[in-house]
Amino acid sequence: MPDGAKMPDGAAPVLDVRDLKTVFKVRGGEVHAVNNVSFDLAAGELLGVVGESGSGKSVTMMSLLGLLPSPPADVRGGTVTFEGEDLLRITPEQLRKVRGGRIGFVFQDPMTSLNPVFTVGFQIMEPLREHMGLNKRDASARAQELLELVGIPGAADRLNDYPTSFPAVCASV
């Protein structure tokens, strides 16, 4: 939406992405991975990004939150305005506060989303403690509740599992 524009219900968008461009430097040239992507989201909305493998879904989302390695990635243009601030122009520390706590996304391949050297519970509790300020006990209780909400059997025990044993448990649901 243009600056100052409103959503159909009159509210300003919470997230406004305009003309996002991301390029990868490769031997012999450049690959233009994201070309002029624009969208906006109102409070409470979710966005599902759908496309063929290699179409730029993950690169687009990682560009928004500064998650691409630079080099070779270079976010060359556009704006990503979240609650009035351009995420492409804030400090890495400010961006860390936004990531996971206020904006998040689910990666395309859930098997690579969890680090195999940390327990499932640790990985669920970490953002709860970092972004929500929960202590270890409360974060553990919330992590168990979240696993129960998505139908994971034996949620309390699953918190101590490592991701390599977790898919077999989930497959039995």
C-alpha atoms as a PDB file:
ATOM      1  CA  MET A   1       0.000   0.000   0.000  1.00  0.00           C
ATOM      2  CA  PRO A   2       1.213   3.518  -0.636  1.00  0.00           C
ATOM      3  CA  ASP A   3       2.455   5.517   2.350  1.00  0.00           C
ATOM      4  CA  GLY A   4      -0.407   6.421   4.665  1.00  0.00           C
ATOM      5  CA  ALA A   5      -2.778   4.026   2.919  1.00  0.00           C
ATOM      6  CA  LYS A   6      -5.400   2.138   4.883  1.00  0.00           C
ATOM      7  CA  MET A   7      -6.695  -1.421   4.736  1.00  0.00           C
ATOM      8  CA  PRO A   8     -10.274  -1.919   3.430  1.00  0.00           C
ATOM      9  CA  ASP A   9     -11.553  -1.688   7.020  1.00  0.00           C
ATOM     10  CA  GLY A  10      -9.799   1.671   7.487  1.00  0.00           C
ATOM     11  CA  ALA A  11      -6.905   0.384   9.632  1.00  0.00           C
ATOM     12  CA  ALA A  12      -3.269   0.873   8.658  1.00  0.00           C
ATOM     13  CA  PRO A  13      -1.472  -2.375   7.803  1.00  0.00           C
ATOM     14  CA  VAL A  14       0.725  -3.864  10.537  1.00  0.00           C
ATOM     15  CA  LEU A  15       3.181  -5.158   7.930  1.00  0.00           C
ATOM     16  CA  ASP A  16       3.633  -3.401   4.602  1.00  0.00           C
ATOM     17  CA  VAL A  17       6.133  -4.861   2.127  1.00  0.00           C
ATOM     18  CA  ARG A  18       6.813  -2.801  -0.989  1.00  0.00           C
ATOM     19  CA  ASP A  19       8.976  -3.658  -3.992  1.00  0.00           C
ATOM     20  CA  LEU A  20      11.272  -6.046  -2.119  1.00  0.00           C
ATOM     21  CA  LYS A  21      14.311  -7.084  -4.177  1.00  0.00           C
ATOM     22  CA  THR A  22      16.902  -9.688  -3.194  1.00  0.00           C
ATOM     23  CA  VAL A  23      19.900 -10.669  -5.308  1.00  0.00           C
ATOM     24  CA  PHE A  24      22.475 -13.428  -4.815  1.00  0.00           C
ATOM     25  CA  LYS A  25      26.019 -12.864  -6.029  1.00  0.00           C
ATOM     26  CA  VAL A  26      27.233 -16.000  -7.784  1.00  0.00           C
ATOM     27  CA  ARG A  27      30.318 -16.848  -9.761  1.00  0.00           C
ATOM     28  CA  GLY A  28      29.951 -15.078 -13.062  1.00  0.00           C
ATOM     29  CA  GLY A  29      27.061 -12.801 -12.135  1.00  0.00           C
ATOM     30  CA  GLU A  30      23.930 -12.422 -10.081  1.00  0.00           C
ATOM     31  CA  VAL A  31      20.687 -14.274  -9.509  1.00  0.00           C
ATOM     32  CA  HIS A  32      17.649 -12.063  -8.957  1.00  0.00           C
ATOM     33  CA  ALA A  33      15.725 -14.211  -6.504  1.00  0.00           C
ATOM     34  CA  VAL A  34      13.057 -11.751  -5.318  1.00  0.00           C
ATOM     35  CA  ASN A  35      11.808  -9.121  -7.745  1.00  0.00           C
ATOM     36  CA  ASN A  36       9.472  -6.352  -6.619  1.00  0.00           C
ATOM     37  CA  VAL A  37       7.423  -8.379  -4.138  1.00  0.00           C
ATOM     38  CA  SER A  38       4.679  -6.383  -2.396  1.00  0.00           C
ATOM     39  CA  PHE A  39       1.992  -7.323   0.116  1.00  0.00           C
ATOM     40  CA  ASP A  40       0.473  -6.077   3.348  1.00  0.00           C
ATOM     41  CA  LEU A  41      -1.104  -7.612   6.410  1.00  0.00           C
ATOM     42  CA  ALA A  42      -3.636  -6.263   8.867  1.00  0.00           C
ATOM     43  CA  ALA A  43      -3.578  -7.094  12.574  1.00  0.00           C
ATOM     44  CA  GLY A  44      -4.537 -10.731  13.152  1.00  0.00           C
ATOM     45  CA  GLU A  45      -4.082 -11.796   9.536  1.00  0.00           C
ATOM     46  CA  LEU A  46      -1.918 -14.734   8.488  1.00  0.00           C
ATOM     47  CA  LEU A  47      -0.219 -15.007   5.126  1.00  0.00           C
ATOM     48  CA  GLY A  48       0.317 -18.274   3.309  1.00  0.00           C
ATOM     49  CA  VAL A  49       2.938 -18.048   0.570  1.00  0.00           C
ATOM     50  CA  VAL A  50       2.502 -20.773  -2.019  1.00  0.00           C
ATOM     51  CA  GLY A  51       4.597 -21.566  -5.067  1.00  0.00           C
ATOM     52  CA  GLU A  52       6.791 -24.053  -6.812  1.00  0.00           C
ATOM     53  CA  SER A  53      10.066 -25.177  -5.320  1.00  0.00           C
ATOM     54  CA  GLY A  54      12.681 -22.528  -6.044  1.00  0.00           C
ATOM     55  CA  SER A  55      10.149 -19.755  -6.661  1.00  0.00           C
ATOM     56  CA  GLY A  56      11.497 -17.561  -3.855  1.00  0.00           C
ATOM     57  CA  LYS A  57       9.040 -18.173  -1.005  1.00  0.00           C
ATOM     58  CA  SER A  58      11.642 -18.782   1.679  1.00  0.00           C
ATOM     59  CA  VAL A  59      14.066 -16.183   0.321  1.00  0.00           C
ATOM     60  CA  THR A  60      11.304 -13.574   0.416  1.00  0.00           C
ATOM     61  CA  MET A  61      10.443 -14.292   4.044  1.00  0.00           C
ATOM     62  CA  MET A  62      14.069 -14.533   5.146  1.00  0.00           C
ATOM     63  CA  SER A  63      14.753 -11.205   3.413  1.00  0.00           C
ATOM     64  CA  LEU A  64      12.092  -9.547   5.585  1.00  0.00           C
ATOM     65  CA  LEU A  65      13.807 -10.573   8.799  1.00  0.00           C
ATOM     66  CA  GLY A  66      17.467 -10.303   7.824  1.00  0.00           C
ATOM     67  CA  LEU A  67      18.066 -14.048   7.909  1.00  0.00           C
ATOM     68  CA  LEU A  68      20.042 -14.396   4.680  1.00  0.00           C
ATOM     69  CA  PRO A  69      23.850 -14.602   4.731  1.00  0.00           C
ATOM     70  CA  SER A  70      25.426 -11.499   3.256  1.00  0.00           C
ATOM     71  CA  PRO A  71      27.313 -12.150   1.054  1.00  0.00           C
ATOM     72  CA  PRO A  72      26.113 -13.811  -1.111  1.00  0.00           C
ATOM     73  CA  ALA A  73      22.614 -12.383  -0.487  1.00  0.00           C
ATOM     74  CA  ASP A  74      21.930  -8.691  -0.905  1.00  0.00           C
ATOM     75  CA  VAL A  75      18.539  -7.122  -0.207  1.00  0.00           C
ATOM     76  CA  ARG A  76      18.781  -4.410  -2.841  1.00  0.00           C
ATOM     77  CA  GLY A  77      15.552  -2.556  -2.587  1.00  0.00           C
ATOM     78  CA  GLY A  78      12.153  -2.042  -1.181  1.00  0.00           C
ATOM     79  CA  THR A  79      10.744  -1.373   2.237  1.00  0.00           C
ATOM     80  CA  VAL A  80       9.448  -3.678   4.959  1.00  0.00           C
ATOM     81  CA  THR A  81       7.426  -1.484   7.296  1.00  0.00           C
ATOM     82  CA  PHE A  82       6.331  -3.179  10.510  1.00  0.00           C
ATOM     83  CA  GLU A  83       4.409  -1.083  13.002  1.00  0.00           C
ATOM     84  CA  GLY A  84       5.875   2.063  11.449  1.00  0.00           C
ATOM     85  CA  GLU A  85       9.547   0.935  11.283  1.00  0.00           C
ATOM     86  CA  ASP A  86      11.405  -0.206   8.182  1.00  0.00           C
ATOM     87  CA  LEU A  87      12.921  -3.570   9.150  1.00  0.00           C
ATOM     88  CA  LEU A  88      15.509  -3.253   6.391  1.00  0.00           C
ATOM     89  CA  ARG A  89      16.987  -0.195   8.088  1.00  0.00           C
ATOM     90  CA  ILE A  90      17.012  -1.025  11.800  1.00  0.00           C
ATOM     91  CA  THR A  91      19.961  -2.385  13.780  1.00  0.00           C
ATOM     92  CA  PRO A  92      20.572  -6.132  14.110  1.00  0.00           C
ATOM     93  CA  GLU A  93      19.732  -5.879  17.825  1.00  0.00           C
ATOM     94  CA  GLN A  94      16.386  -4.211  17.094  1.00  0.00           C
ATOM     95  CA  LEU A  95      15.669  -6.839  14.440  1.00  0.00           C
ATOM     96  CA  ARG A  96      16.378  -9.686  16.900  1.00  0.00           C
ATOM     97  CA  LYS A  97      13.631  -8.314  19.140  1.00  0.00           C
ATOM     98  CA  VAL A  98      11.157  -8.457  16.264  1.00  0.00           C
ATOM     99  CA  ARG A  99      12.125 -11.950  15.026  1.00  0.00           C
ATOM    100  CA  GLY A 100      10.139 -14.752  16.637  1.00  0.00           C
ATOM    101  CA  GLY A 101       8.574 -12.521  19.260  1.00  0.00           C
ATOM    102  CA  ARG A 102       6.531 -10.285  16.984  1.00  0.00           C
ATOM    103  CA  ILE A 103       6.957 -11.780  13.508  1.00  0.00           C
ATOM    104  CA  GLY A 104       7.549 -15.413  12.721  1.00  0.00           C
ATOM    105  CA  PHE A 105       7.157 -17.921   9.964  1.00  0.00           C
ATOM    106  CA  VAL A 106       7.256 -21.671   9.547  1.00  0.00           C
ATOM    107  CA  PHE A 107       9.976 -22.871   7.208  1.00  0.00           C
ATOM    108  CA  GLN A 108       9.044 -24.950   4.204  1.00  0.00           C
ATOM    109  CA  ASP A 109      10.793 -28.104   5.436  1.00  0.00           C
ATOM    110  CA  PRO A 110       9.778 -28.898   9.023  1.00  0.00           C
ATOM    111  CA  MET A 111      12.440 -31.631   9.267  1.00  0.00           C
ATOM    112  CA  THR A 112      15.154 -28.963   9.150  1.00  0.00           C
ATOM    113  CA  SER A 113      13.390 -26.473  11.420  1.00  0.00           C
ATOM    114  CA  LEU A 114      14.642 -28.050  14.651  1.00  0.00           C
ATOM    115  CA  ASN A 115      18.304 -28.351  15.544  1.00  0.00           C
ATOM    116  CA  PRO A 116      19.155 -32.029  16.188  1.00  0.00           C
ATOM    117  CA  VAL A 117      21.606 -31.233  19.029  1.00  0.00           C
ATOM    118  CA  PHE A 118      19.018 -29.548  21.287  1.00  0.00           C
ATOM    119  CA  THR A 119      15.893 -31.058  22.818  1.00  0.00           C
ATOM    120  CA  VAL A 120      12.501 -30.186  21.386  1.00  0.00           C
ATOM    121  CA  GLY A 121      11.592 -28.575  24.713  1.00  0.00           C
ATOM    122  CA  PHE A 122      14.665 -26.349  24.739  1.00  0.00           C
ATOM    123  CA  GLN A 123      13.897 -25.126  21.218  1.00  0.00           C
ATOM    124  CA  ILE A 124      10.261 -24.374  21.992  1.00  0.00           C
ATOM    125  CA  MET A 125      11.082 -22.732  25.331  1.00  0.00           C
ATOM    126  CA  GLU A 126      13.902 -20.524  24.033  1.00  0.00           C
ATOM    127  CA  PRO A 127      11.665 -18.001  22.193  1.00  0.00           C
ATOM    128  CA  LEU A 128       9.138 -18.104  25.031  1.00  0.00           C
ATOM    129  CA  ARG A 129      11.859 -17.047  27.448  1.00  0.00           C
ATOM    130  CA  GLU A 130      13.578 -14.617  25.082  1.00  0.00           C
ATOM    131  CA  HIS A 131      10.545 -12.859  23.617  1.00  0.00           C
ATOM    132  CA  MET A 132       7.864 -13.325  26.239  1.00  0.00           C
ATOM    133  CA  GLY A 133      10.059 -13.081  29.322  1.00  0.00           C
ATOM    134  CA  LEU A 134       8.853 -16.381  30.783  1.00  0.00           C
ATOM    135  CA  ASN A 135      10.951 -18.092  33.428  1.00  0.00           C
ATOM    136  CA  LYS A 136      12.095 -21.680  32.832  1.00  0.00           C
ATOM    137  CA  ARG A 137       9.188 -23.284  34.715  1.00  0.00           C
ATOM    138  CA  ASP A 138       6.500 -21.205  32.981  1.00  0.00           C
ATOM    139  CA  ALA A 139       8.141 -21.665  29.581  1.00  0.00           C
ATOM    140  CA  SER A 140       8.184 -25.427  30.100  1.00  0.00           C
ATOM    141  CA  ALA A 141       4.500 -25.460  31.051  1.00  0.00           C
ATOM    142  CA  ARG A 142       3.628 -23.346  27.993  1.00  0.00           C
ATOM    143  CA  ALA A 143       5.747 -25.544  25.699  1.00  0.00           C
ATOM    144  CA  GLN A 144       3.897 -28.626  26.962  1.00  0.00           C
ATOM    145  CA  GLU A 145       0.578 -26.859  26.409  1.00  0.00           C
ATOM    146  CA  LEU A 146       1.573 -25.960  22.847  1.00  0.00           C
ATOM    147  CA  LEU A 147       2.490 -29.566  22.035  1.00  0.00           C
ATOM    148  CA  GLU A 148      -0.843 -30.701  23.471  1.00  0.00           C
ATOM    149  CA  LEU A 149      -2.699 -28.102  21.389  1.00  0.00           C
ATOM    150  CA  VAL A 150      -1.322 -29.609  18.187  1.00  0.00           C
ATOM    151  CA  GLY A 151      -2.106 -33.158  19.293  1.00  0.00           C
ATOM    152  CA  ILE A 152       1.346 -34.476  20.234  1.00  0.00           C
ATOM    153  CA  PRO A 153       0.847 -37.505  22.506  1.00  0.00           C
ATOM    154  CA  GLY A 154       2.774 -37.574  25.787  1.00  0.00           C
ATOM    155  CA  ALA A 155       3.648 -33.893  25.424  1.00  0.00           C
ATOM    156  CA  ALA A 156       5.469 -33.640  28.780  1.00  0.00           C
ATOM    157  CA  ASP A 157       7.788 -36.511  27.800  1.00  0.00           C
ATOM    158  CA  ARG A 158       8.289 -35.170  24.253  1.00  0.00           C
ATOM    159  CA  LEU A 159       9.887 -31.997  25.661  1.00  0.00           C
ATOM    160  CA  ASN A 160      12.957 -34.083  26.566  1.00  0.00           C
ATOM    161  CA  ASP A 161      13.191 -35.761  23.151  1.00  0.00           C
ATOM    162  CA  TYR A 162      15.608 -34.742  20.445  1.00  0.00           C
ATOM    163  CA  PRO A 163      14.184 -33.917  17.005  1.00  0.00           C
ATOM    164  CA  THR A 164      15.634 -37.114  15.513  1.00  0.00           C
ATOM    165  CA  SER A 165      13.252 -39.189  17.655  1.00  0.00           C
ATOM    166  CA  PHE A 166      10.384 -36.725  17.449  1.00  0.00           C
ATOM    167  CA  PRO A 167       9.086 -37.429  13.900  1.00  0.00           C
ATOM    168  CA  ALA A 168       8.416 -41.085  14.746  1.00  0.00           C
ATOM    169  CA  VAL A 169       6.311 -39.961  17.690  1.00  0.00           C
ATOM    170  CA  CYS A 170       4.441 -37.424  15.584  1.00  0.00           C
ATOM    171  CA  ALA A 171       3.789 -39.934  12.818  1.00  0.00           C
ATOM    172  CA  SER A 172       1.810 -42.072  15.228  1.00  0.00           C
ATOM    173  CA  VAL A 173      -0.708 -39.290  15.890  1.00  0.00           C
END
